[in-house]
């Protein structure tokens, strides 16, 4: 089944450049909101949720203080990825977190709700 691309945006009031970048690009930052445990070895990142769920991703693109793009190694289509991008709005002096992901058509609503809850957790943890 062909996955559909979704694009979500979240306003992060009061976020700082360094804290936001650390939250989306480092294992310790990702452990605060995205996964329970995160291990990184160069371009391979291992995510753990609870005691049983583990997924491994490869960093396929990264630009400091801008975005990180990863691809799940168990995805059938090597073109699918998920990206976490930070954009600064000079007008409001706030950051916008942009999430791009590829999901099954029947899972769009569930995945959107999951990203919503994860970003809410990021906001609470970091005080955004």
Protein backbone atom coordinates (compact mmCIF):
# COMPACT_ATOMS: atom_id res chain seq x y z
CA UNK A 1 0.00 0.00 0.00
CA UNK A 2 1.30 3.45 -0.87
CA UNK A 3 1.69 5.77 2.08
CA UNK A 4 0.47 9.35 2.07
CA UNK A 5 2.58 12.31 3.04
CA UNK A 6 1.32 14.39 5.96
CA UNK A 7 2.63 17.77 7.05
CA UNK A 8 1.90 19.15 10.52
CA UNK A 9 2.89 22.47 12.09
CA UNK A 10 3.12 23.40 15.76
CA UNK A 11 3.75 26.85 17.21
CA UNK A 12 6.32 26.77 20.04
CA UNK A 13 6.07 30.04 21.96
CA UNK A 14 9.15 30.89 23.95
CA UNK A 15 11.35 28.20 22.43
CA UNK A 16 15.04 28.93 22.14
CA UNK A 17 17.12 27.88 19.16
CA UNK A 18 19.57 25.76 21.16
CA UNK A 19 16.98 24.01 23.34
CA UNK A 20 14.71 23.19 20.40
CA UNK A 21 17.57 21.87 18.26
CA UNK A 22 18.81 19.73 21.14
CA UNK A 23 15.27 18.39 21.68
CA UNK A 24 14.89 17.18 18.10
CA UNK A 25 18.43 16.07 17.26
CA UNK A 26 20.04 14.43 20.30
CA UNK A 27 19.25 11.14 22.02
CA UNK A 28 18.73 12.84 25.40
CA UNK A 29 16.47 15.47 23.83
CA UNK A 30 14.38 12.88 22.01
CA UNK A 31 14.02 10.86 25.22
CA UNK A 32 12.21 13.83 26.76
CA UNK A 33 9.29 13.65 24.34
CA UNK A 34 9.60 11.19 21.46
CA UNK A 35 10.72 7.83 22.86
CA UNK A 36 11.53 6.28 26.22
CA UNK A 37 15.13 5.45 25.29
CA UNK A 38 17.18 6.58 22.31
CA UNK A 39 20.62 5.36 21.26
CA UNK A 40 22.61 6.83 18.41
CA UNK A 41 25.62 5.46 16.60
CA UNK A 42 26.68 7.88 13.88
CA UNK A 43 23.77 7.78 11.39
CA UNK A 44 21.80 4.93 12.99
CA UNK A 45 19.31 5.78 15.74
CA UNK A 46 17.55 3.17 17.87
CA UNK A 47 14.23 4.15 19.50
CA UNK A 48 12.65 2.22 22.38
CA UNK A 49 9.11 2.54 23.75
CA UNK A 50 8.19 0.59 26.85
CA UNK A 51 9.83 -2.79 27.24
CA UNK A 52 8.94 -4.35 23.90
CA UNK A 53 8.79 -1.85 21.04
CA UNK A 54 12.00 -0.95 19.22
CA UNK A 55 12.48 0.70 15.84
CA UNK A 56 15.69 1.63 14.11
CA UNK A 57 16.07 4.62 11.83
CA UNK A 58 18.79 6.00 9.65
CA UNK A 59 19.55 9.71 9.52
CA UNK A 60 19.35 10.50 5.81
CA UNK A 61 19.70 14.28 6.03
CA UNK A 62 20.50 16.80 8.70
CA UNK A 63 21.20 20.51 8.80
CA UNK A 64 22.18 22.02 12.14
CA UNK A 65 19.52 24.24 13.68
CA UNK A 66 17.18 23.50 10.79
CA UNK A 67 15.99 19.90 10.37
CA UNK A 68 16.64 16.20 10.80
CA UNK A 69 15.25 13.63 8.36
CA UNK A 70 15.14 9.94 9.25
CA UNK A 71 14.03 6.77 7.50
CA UNK A 72 12.77 3.73 9.37
CA UNK A 73 14.91 0.77 8.31
CA UNK A 74 11.90 -1.58 8.38
CA UNK A 75 9.85 0.55 5.93
CA UNK A 76 9.14 -1.17 2.63
CA UNK A 77 9.50 1.99 0.56
CA UNK A 78 12.98 3.47 0.89
CA UNK A 79 11.63 6.87 -0.20
CA UNK A 80 9.42 7.26 2.90
CA UNK A 81 10.86 9.28 5.76
CA UNK A 82 9.92 11.45 8.68
CA UNK A 83 11.33 14.90 9.19
CA UNK A 84 11.36 17.27 12.13
CA UNK A 85 12.09 20.83 11.10
CA UNK A 86 12.36 24.04 13.08
CA UNK A 87 11.53 27.39 11.49
CA UNK A 88 11.90 30.77 13.11
CA UNK A 89 9.17 33.33 12.54
CA UNK A 90 10.82 36.75 12.71
CA UNK A 91 7.47 38.50 12.91
CA UNK A 92 6.39 36.77 16.13
CA UNK A 93 9.87 35.74 17.43
CA UNK A 94 8.56 32.19 17.85
CA UNK A 95 9.58 28.87 16.38
CA UNK A 96 7.32 26.61 14.35
CA UNK A 97 7.99 22.89 14.49
CA UNK A 98 7.13 21.19 11.20
CA UNK A 99 6.61 17.44 11.04
CA UNK A 100 6.55 15.59 7.74
CA UNK A 101 5.69 11.89 7.83
CA UNK A 102 4.44 9.13 5.53
CA UNK A 103 1.53 7.07 6.80
CA UNK A 104 -0.95 4.48 5.63
CA UNK A 105 -4.11 6.21 4.32
CA UNK A 106 -6.28 4.58 6.99
CA UNK A 107 -3.89 5.72 9.76
CA UNK A 108 -3.69 9.45 8.99
CA UNK A 109 -5.99 10.49 11.84
CA UNK A 110 -4.26 8.20 14.37
CA UNK A 111 -0.79 9.34 13.34
CA UNK A 112 -1.83 13.00 13.50
CA UNK A 113 -3.15 12.45 17.03
CA UNK A 114 0.09 10.69 17.98
CA UNK A 115 2.22 13.57 16.70
CA UNK A 116 -0.11 16.03 18.46
CA UNK A 117 0.38 14.23 21.78
CA UNK A 118 4.15 13.89 21.30
CA UNK A 119 4.56 17.60 20.53
CA UNK A 120 2.35 18.47 23.51
CA UNK A 121 4.74 16.41 25.63
CA UNK A 122 7.67 18.34 24.10
CA UNK A 123 5.98 21.65 24.96
CA UNK A 124 5.36 20.57 28.56
CA UNK A 125 8.83 19.12 29.07
CA UNK A 126 10.67 22.11 27.64
CA UNK A 127 8.25 24.82 28.77
CA UNK A 128 7.36 26.04 25.28
